[in-house]
């Protein structure tokens, strides 16, 4: 399973993964991800962990980075060093 967040919520430099289903539903919790895990079998987990570690190095204090994994089109997008209020689009 892909890591949801690499650092604890109270720490800075947080990196999150978000999965978005073809319907546009946003999956952010581990429990929800487990229901749809098979739809993301194409994702190379090692690659995602590498991207998380890289994003963590590039994320300033009080900011966050997000790796968004879209089921539709099998697309992965990275948003590095963004404001905490950022919400990704449900389409790529």
Protein backbone atom coordinates (compact mmCIF):
# COMPACT_ATOMS: atom_id res chain seq x y z
CA UNK A 1 0.00 0.00 0.00
CA UNK A 2 1.20 3.50 -0.77
CA UNK A 3 2.01 5.79 2.12
CA UNK A 4 -0.71 8.32 2.88
CA UNK A 5 1.56 10.84 4.54
CA UNK A 6 5.28 10.59 5.17
CA UNK A 7 5.52 13.00 8.08
CA UNK A 8 3.18 13.44 10.99
CA UNK A 9 0.36 16.01 10.69
CA UNK A 10 1.79 18.33 13.30
CA UNK A 11 5.15 18.53 11.51
CA UNK A 12 5.97 20.69 8.56
CA UNK A 13 7.21 19.37 5.23
CA UNK A 14 4.25 17.03 4.84
CA UNK A 15 3.78 15.02 1.66
CA UNK A 16 0.41 13.41 0.90
CA UNK A 17 -0.89 11.04 -1.73
CA UNK A 18 -4.41 11.43 -3.03
CA UNK A 19 -6.17 8.97 -5.32
CA UNK A 20 -8.93 10.18 -7.62
CA UNK A 21 -11.39 7.72 -9.14
CA UNK A 22 -12.80 8.01 -12.68
CA UNK A 23 -16.02 9.30 -11.10
CA UNK A 24 -14.12 12.24 -9.59
CA UNK A 25 -14.37 10.85 -6.06
CA UNK A 26 -11.34 11.85 -4.01
CA UNK A 27 -9.79 9.10 -1.87
CA UNK A 28 -7.66 10.36 1.02
CA UNK A 29 -8.12 7.80 3.78
CA UNK A 30 -6.46 4.41 4.01
CA UNK A 31 -9.82 2.75 4.64
CA UNK A 32 -11.30 4.15 1.42
CA UNK A 33 -8.13 3.39 -0.55
CA UNK A 34 -8.32 -0.27 0.48
CA UNK A 35 -11.76 -0.52 -1.17
CA UNK A 36 -10.33 0.63 -4.51
CA UNK A 37 -6.73 -0.59 -4.31
CA UNK A 38 -7.14 -2.95 -7.28
CA UNK A 39 -7.99 0.01 -9.55
CA UNK A 40 -4.51 1.41 -8.90
CA UNK A 41 -2.53 -1.79 -9.48
CA UNK A 42 -0.74 -0.02 -12.37
CA UNK A 43 0.99 2.33 -9.91
CA UNK A 44 4.65 1.51 -9.24
CA UNK A 45 4.80 1.83 -5.47
CA UNK A 46 8.59 2.17 -5.45
CA UNK A 47 8.31 5.13 -7.83
CA UNK A 48 5.71 6.78 -5.59
CA UNK A 49 7.87 6.35 -2.49
CA UNK A 50 10.83 7.87 -4.39
CA UNK A 51 8.65 10.83 -5.43
CA UNK A 52 7.43 11.28 -1.84
CA UNK A 53 11.00 11.38 -0.54
CA UNK A 54 12.03 13.82 -3.26
CA UNK A 55 9.02 16.07 -2.61
CA UNK A 56 9.74 16.06 1.10
CA UNK A 57 13.19 17.54 0.45
CA UNK A 58 11.67 20.29 -1.69
CA UNK A 59 8.83 21.19 0.66
CA UNK A 60 9.31 24.24 2.88
CA UNK A 61 8.17 24.49 6.46
CA UNK A 62 4.46 25.29 6.80
CA UNK A 63 3.84 24.09 3.24
CA UNK A 64 2.82 20.73 1.83
CA UNK A 65 3.31 18.67 -1.28
CA UNK A 66 0.72 16.40 -2.86
CA UNK A 67 1.06 13.50 -5.25
CA UNK A 68 -2.23 12.95 -7.04
CA UNK A 69 -2.89 9.59 -8.68
CA UNK A 70 -5.73 9.64 -11.20
CA UNK A 71 -7.45 6.37 -12.09
CA UNK A 72 -8.69 7.90 -15.36
CA UNK A 73 -5.80 7.91 -17.83
CA UNK A 74 -3.45 6.40 -15.26
CA UNK A 75 -1.88 9.78 -14.60
CA UNK A 76 0.30 10.88 -11.68
CA UNK A 77 0.76 14.58 -10.96
CA UNK A 78 2.95 16.21 -8.33
CA UNK A 79 2.25 19.51 -6.63
CA UNK A 80 5.34 20.56 -4.73
CA UNK A 81 5.62 23.17 -1.98
CA UNK A 82 2.05 24.41 -2.08
CA UNK A 83 -0.19 26.16 0.43
CA UNK A 84 -2.00 23.99 2.93
CA UNK A 85 -5.34 25.12 1.49
CA UNK A 86 -4.58 23.58 -1.93
CA UNK A 87 -7.09 21.04 -3.27
CA UNK A 88 -6.29 19.21 -6.54
CA UNK A 89 -8.70 19.14 -9.46
CA UNK A 90 -10.68 15.91 -9.80
CA UNK A 91 -9.57 15.68 -13.43
CA UNK A 92 -6.12 16.03 -14.95
